[in-house]
Amino acid sequence: MTLYTASYDIMVKPIKPMNSIRMHLVSKITRLTALLFTLCLGHGMSLQAYGQNEGRWYQVEILIFKQNNANYDDEIWRRDLQLFYPSDSQFLGKTLPNTTHQLGGHNYVLRKSEDYKVLFHKAWIQQMWGKNQSPSIIIRGGENYTNHRELEGTIKIHIGRYLHVTTDLWLSDYPPIPFNNAALNDESSINEGGLNLPNVNDLSTSIDQSSVWPTLPPLPNSDNNERTTIFDKDDQPRVITLRETRSMRSKETHYIDHPAMGLLVRMLPVDAPTIPAE
């Protein structure tokens, strides 16, 4: 019987000396430390930038328009939203004259077109702070409907590394008021201002809940006569919201698009206003 033996070449890796292992670990730790230092430095610089930007003054200009040809039936609008004015809401104070507007050309073009309707266009001076220190500015524009306007809501502008604009706006699309010939023959329905239309607060509140749009909230600090308005099903407006947050740069015109409306924003750095001595 012949016996065969097989031979195998076994490759044995050389063991790294301890000094090499230590150097490898030290190299990894050094790279990790450098990375952490870079991240901390960047974070520190960001915080420093935030601190440097806070307190700066800007001229803020906002133009909001409605798209007249918007087809509301082509969109699926959320109806489960709760509309409210935040606790930090403030009415807009003194505004700047039209001669200071930077978006006047856009306003002119929009007003010349039948496809758009300008609802709000104002400019003001605002000192910028962080998100928690900045107020929510109350926006109202468009047609008057009893206690409400066609456009309502708030806009908050705050500063960090960039300028940030947060919109919480709602556009109420009211159904057209039907023309009633019988009303013209009823002297009790006519006053000095023309037809005496019914107050929506006195309308029936029996509404099919499946068709209810978001409820319009009263203005902050409003009296008891300006509480939440209840609409009849046939007179209830479609309420479309624009809730958006955008980071923006100054000296640039920014556009926020929406199927039913649009918003233009432009902010310019300005010197702190001079407060006259008393």
Protein backbone atom coordinates (compact mmCIF):
# COMPACT_ATOMS: atom_id res chain seq x y z
CA MET A 1 0.00 0.00 0.00
CA THR A 2 1.33 3.34 -1.00
CA LEU A 3 0.70 6.26 1.31
CA TYR A 4 0.53 9.76 -0.05
CA THR A 5 1.02 12.83 2.04
CA ALA A 6 -0.29 16.22 1.08
CA SER A 7 1.64 19.33 1.86
CA TYR A 8 0.04 22.73 2.30
CA ASP A 9 1.69 26.12 2.27
CA ILE A 10 0.43 27.92 5.30
CA MET A 11 0.69 31.72 5.16
CA VAL A 12 1.27 33.13 8.57
CA LYS A 13 0.72 36.89 8.93
CA PRO A 14 3.47 38.56 10.81
CA ILE A 15 2.38 39.98 14.11
CA LYS A 16 2.54 43.75 14.19
CA PRO A 17 4.79 45.08 16.82
CA MET A 18 3.05 46.86 19.73
CA ASN A 19 4.55 50.20 18.70
CA SER A 20 2.83 49.99 15.31
CA ILE A 21 -0.53 49.24 16.94
CA ARG A 22 -0.13 52.17 19.30
CA MET A 23 0.75 54.51 16.43
CA HIS A 24 -2.31 53.35 14.49
CA LEU A 25 -4.59 54.01 17.45
CA VAL A 26 -3.00 57.38 18.08
CA SER A 27 -3.54 58.31 14.44
CA LYS A 28 -7.24 57.38 14.63
CA ILE A 29 -7.73 59.29 17.87
CA THR A 30 -5.96 62.31 16.41
CA ARG A 31 -8.24 62.34 13.34
CA LEU A 32 -11.33 61.91 15.51
CA THR A 33 -10.23 64.74 17.80
CA ALA A 34 -9.60 66.99 14.81
CA LEU A 35 -13.08 66.21 13.45
CA LEU A 36 -14.75 66.95 16.79
CA PHE A 37 -12.78 70.18 17.08
CA THR A 38 -13.90 71.25 13.60
CA LEU A 39 -17.55 70.51 14.41
CA CYS A 40 -17.35 72.38 17.71
CA LEU A 41 -15.61 75.28 16.03
CA GLY A 42 -18.29 75.45 13.32
CA HIS A 43 -21.02 75.29 15.92
CA GLY A 44 -19.33 78.00 17.92
CA MET A 45 -18.99 80.18 14.84
CA SER A 46 -22.68 79.63 14.06
CA LEU A 47 -23.66 80.65 17.58
CA GLN A 48 -21.39 83.66 17.26
CA ALA A 49 -23.02 84.55 13.94
CA TYR A 50 -26.45 84.25 15.54
CA GLY A 51 -25.37 86.57 18.32
CA GLN A 52 -23.90 89.07 15.90
CA ASN A 53 -27.02 89.09 13.70
CA GLU A 54 -29.52 89.54 16.50
CA GLY A 55 -30.53 93.14 17.07
CA ARG A 56 -29.94 94.22 13.48
CA TRP A 57 -32.53 96.38 11.75
CA TYR A 58 -34.16 95.59 8.42
CA GLN A 59 -36.67 97.14 6.09
CA VAL A 60 -39.24 94.42 5.52
CA GLU A 61 -41.57 94.53 2.52
CA ILE A 62 -44.25 91.94 1.86
CA LEU A 63 -46.66 91.70 -1.07
CA ILE A 64 -49.42 89.08 -1.03
CA PHE A 65 -51.75 88.44 -3.95
CA LYS A 66 -54.61 86.11 -4.84
CA GLN A 67 -54.74 84.06 -8.02
CA ASN A 68 -58.15 84.82 -9.47
CA ASN A 69 -58.15 81.86 -11.86
CA ALA A 70 -57.26 79.29 -9.23
CA ASN A 71 -59.39 76.17 -9.60
CA TYR A 72 -60.11 75.15 -6.03
CA ASP A 73 -61.77 71.91 -7.11
CA ASP A 74 -58.50 70.61 -8.59
CA GLU A 75 -56.79 70.65 -5.18
CA ILE A 76 -57.42 68.63 -2.05
CA TRP A 77 -57.53 71.12 0.82
CA ARG A 78 -57.16 70.09 4.43
CA ARG A 79 -60.23 70.94 6.50
CA ASP A 80 -59.05 69.61 9.85
CA LEU A 81 -56.77 72.54 10.57
CA GLN A 82 -57.23 74.75 13.60
CA LEU A 83 -56.75 78.43 12.88
CA PHE A 84 -55.59 80.69 15.68
CA TYR A 85 -53.52 83.75 16.48
CA PRO A 86 -50.42 82.88 18.57
CA SER A 87 -50.03 84.41 22.02
CA ASP A 88 -47.16 86.59 20.72
CA SER A 89 -49.31 88.15 17.97
CA GLN A 90 -48.96 91.89 17.47
CA PHE A 91 -50.65 94.34 15.13
CA LEU A 92 -48.41 95.98 12.58
CA GLY A 93 -47.38 99.44 13.75
CA LYS A 94 -46.13 102.34 11.66
CA THR A 95 -45.56 101.45 8.01
CA LEU A 96 -43.33 103.09 5.41
CA PRO A 97 -44.65 105.24 2.53
CA ASN A 98 -45.09 103.74 -0.93
CA THR A 99 -42.08 105.70 -2.19
CA THR A 100 -39.79 103.41 -0.19
CA HIS A 101 -41.24 100.21 -1.67
CA GLN A 102 -38.89 97.95 -3.61
CA LEU A 103 -41.71 95.76 -4.96
CA GLY A 104 -43.74 98.55 -6.52
CA GLY A 105 -43.08 97.27 -10.04
CA HIS A 106 -44.43 93.84 -9.13
CA ASN A 107 -47.51 95.47 -7.58
CA TYR A 108 -48.15 97.43 -10.77
CA VAL A 109 -47.88 94.35 -13.00
CA LEU A 110 -50.17 92.30 -10.76
CA ARG A 111 -52.83 95.01 -10.61
CA LYS A 112 -52.79 95.38 -14.41
CA SER A 113 -53.56 91.70 -14.84
CA GLU A 114 -57.04 90.20 -14.43
CA ASP A 115 -55.45 86.97 -13.22
CA TYR A 116 -54.32 88.43 -9.87
CA LYS A 117 -55.63 90.54 -7.04
CA VAL A 118 -53.27 92.31 -4.62
CA LEU A 119 -54.46 91.71 -1.06
CA PHE A 120 -51.63 93.16 1.01
CA HIS A 121 -48.58 95.30 0.28
CA LYS A 122 -46.77 97.05 3.11
CA ALA A 123 -43.26 97.82 4.29
CA TRP A 124 -41.93 98.54 7.76
CA ILE A 125 -38.75 98.70 9.84
CA GLN A 126 -38.14 95.78 12.17
CA GLN A 127 -35.39 94.85 14.59
CA MET A 128 -34.55 91.17 14.22
CA TRP A 129 -34.22 88.70 17.07
CA GLY A 130 -34.25 84.95 17.53
CA LYS A 131 -37.37 82.87 16.97
CA ASN A 132 -38.57 82.92 20.57
CA GLN A 133 -38.11 86.70 20.90
CA SER A 134 -39.76 87.68 17.59
CA PRO A 135 -43.47 88.57 17.40
CA SER A 136 -46.05 87.11 15.06
CA ILE A 137 -47.26 90.07 12.99
CA ILE A 138 -50.99 90.12 12.23
CA ILE A 139 -51.74 90.35 8.50
CA ARG A 140 -55.13 91.48 7.17
CA GLY A 141 -56.06 92.43 3.62
CA GLY A 142 -58.57 92.19 0.81
CA GLU A 143 -62.31 92.63 1.11
CA ASN A 144 -64.21 93.09 4.38
CA TYR A 145 -66.72 90.44 5.41
CA THR A 146 -68.37 91.45 8.70
CA ASN A 147 -65.68 90.78 11.34
CA HIS A 148 -63.20 89.24 8.92
CA ARG A 149 -61.05 90.08 5.94
CA GLU A 150 -60.42 88.11 2.79
CA LEU A 151 -56.82 87.51 3.92
CA GLU A 152 -55.93 86.98 7.57
CA GLY A 153 -53.24 85.34 9.68
CA THR A 154 -49.72 86.05 10.90
CA ILE A 155 -46.15 86.23 9.64
CA LYS A 156 -43.16 85.73 11.94
CA ILE A 157 -39.72 86.94 10.87
CA HIS A 158 -36.66 86.03 12.92
CA ILE A 159 -32.94 85.88 12.40
CA GLY A 160 -30.27 83.26 12.94
CA ARG A 161 -27.50 82.61 10.49
CA TYR A 162 -30.07 83.67 7.88
CA LEU A 163 -33.38 85.49 7.94
CA HIS A 164 -36.35 83.16 8.41
CA VAL A 165 -39.96 83.84 7.41
CA THR A 166 -42.82 81.71 8.76
CA THR A 167 -46.28 82.26 7.31
CA ASP A 168 -49.54 81.15 8.91
CA LEU A 169 -52.05 82.77 6.57
CA TRP A 170 -55.55 81.84 5.53
CA LEU A 171 -57.44 83.04 2.47
CA SER A 172 -61.24 82.99 2.69
CA ASP A 173 -62.98 82.54 -0.63
CA TYR A 174 -66.55 83.70 -0.04
CA PRO A 175 -69.37 82.61 -2.36
CA PRO A 176 -70.96 85.42 -4.40
CA ILE A 177 -74.00 87.06 -2.83
CA PRO A 178 -77.08 86.26 -4.97
CA PHE A 179 -78.99 89.22 -6.39
CA ASN A 180 -82.55 89.33 -5.08
CA ASN A 181 -85.04 91.45 -7.02
CA ALA A 182 -87.62 91.08 -4.25
CA ALA A 183 -85.30 92.84 -1.85
CA LEU A 184 -85.43 95.98 -3.99
CA ASN A 185 -89.18 96.24 -3.41
CA ASP A 186 -88.87 95.79 0.34
CA GLU A 187 -88.18 99.17 1.95
CA SER A 188 -87.19 97.47 5.22
CA SER A 189 -84.23 95.87 3.49
CA ILE A 190 -82.76 99.15 2.26
CA ASN A 191 -80.79 101.69 4.24
CA GLU A 192 -78.59 104.66 3.38
CA GLY A 193 -75.76 102.38 2.35
CA GLY A 194 -77.87 100.29 -0.04
CA LEU A 195 -79.09 96.76 0.56
CA ASN A 196 -79.18 95.69 4.19
CA LEU A 197 -77.48 92.29 3.92
CA PRO A 198 -77.92 89.74 6.73
CA ASN A 199 -75.21 89.45 9.36
CA VAL A 200 -73.49 86.07 9.09
CA ASN A 201 -73.56 85.83 12.88
CA ASP A 202 -77.37 85.50 12.69
CA LEU A 203 -77.35 82.68 10.14
CA SER A 204 -78.25 79.09 10.88
CA THR A 205 -75.55 76.92 12.45
CA SER A 206 -76.90 73.61 11.12
CA ILE A 207 -73.95 72.62 8.96
CA ASP A 208 -73.09 69.28 7.46
CA GLN A 209 -69.87 68.46 9.30
CA SER A 210 -68.41 66.72 6.25
CA SER A 211 -68.35 70.07 4.43
CA VAL A 212 -67.06 72.25 7.25
CA TRP A 213 -64.02 74.35 6.50
CA PRO A 214 -61.64 75.58 9.23
CA THR A 215 -63.31 78.04 11.62
CA LEU A 216 -62.18 81.64 11.37
CA PRO A 217 -60.78 82.82 14.72
CA PRO A 218 -61.46 86.26 16.23
CA LEU A 219 -58.73 88.85 16.36
CA PRO A 220 -56.62 88.95 19.54
CA ASN A 221 -58.05 91.27 22.21
CA SER A 222 -61.32 91.58 20.31
CA ASP A 223 -64.50 92.41 22.23
CA ASN A 224 -67.41 90.07 22.79
CA ASN A 225 -69.06 91.17 19.57
CA GLU A 226 -66.20 89.78 17.48
CA ARG A 227 -66.14 86.18 18.52
CA THR A 228 -65.81 83.26 16.16
CA THR A 229 -68.15 83.70 13.20
CA ILE A 230 -70.55 80.87 12.38
CA PHE A 231 -71.55 80.55 8.72
CA ASP A 232 -74.46 78.83 7.07
CA LYS A 233 -73.50 75.93 4.82
CA ASP A 234 -74.32 77.92 1.67
CA ASP A 235 -72.48 81.03 2.84
CA GLN A 236 -69.47 79.39 4.41
CA PRO A 237 -66.20 80.47 2.78
CA ARG A 238 -63.60 78.04 1.56
CA VAL A 239 -60.61 78.65 3.80
CA ILE A 240 -57.23 77.98 2.18
CA THR A 241 -54.10 78.10 4.32
CA LEU A 242 -50.52 79.03 3.50
CA ARG A 243 -48.20 77.62 6.15
CA GLU A 244 -44.58 77.81 5.12
CA THR A 245 -41.14 78.45 6.61
CA ARG A 246 -38.33 79.74 4.40
CA SER A 247 -34.75 80.79 4.98
CA MET A 248 -33.93 83.98 3.11
CA ARG A 249 -31.08 86.35 2.37
CA SER A 250 -31.38 90.09 2.51
CA LYS A 251 -31.21 92.22 -0.64
CA GLU A 252 -32.99 89.46 -2.59
CA THR A 253 -36.61 89.09 -3.66
CA HIS A 254 -38.09 85.78 -2.51
CA TYR A 255 -41.28 84.21 -3.84
CA ILE A 256 -43.47 81.73 -1.97
CA ASP A 257 -45.78 79.97 -4.40
CA HIS A 258 -49.23 78.50 -3.67
CA PRO A 259 -52.09 77.23 -5.86
CA ALA A 260 -54.42 80.01 -4.67
CA MET A 261 -52.09 82.87 -3.79
CA GLY A 262 -48.51 84.10 -3.85
CA LEU A 263 -46.20 86.01 -1.54
CA LEU A 264 -43.21 88.21 -2.33
CA VAL A 265 -40.71 89.16 0.38
CA ARG A 266 -37.77 91.53 0.27
CA MET A 267 -35.64 92.65 3.23
CA LEU A 268 -32.89 95.25 3.28
CA PRO A 269 -30.46 95.96 6.13
CA VAL A 270 -30.85 99.51 7.43
CA ASP A 271 -29.36 101.65 10.16
CA ALA A 272 -31.06 101.71 13.52
CA PRO A 273 -33.77 104.40 13.51
CA THR A 274 -33.02 107.56 15.42
CA ILE A 275 -35.26 107.97 18.45
CA PRO A 276 -35.98 111.65 19.07
CA ALA A 277 -35.04 112.94 22.48
CA GLU A 278 -37.91 113.77 24.78
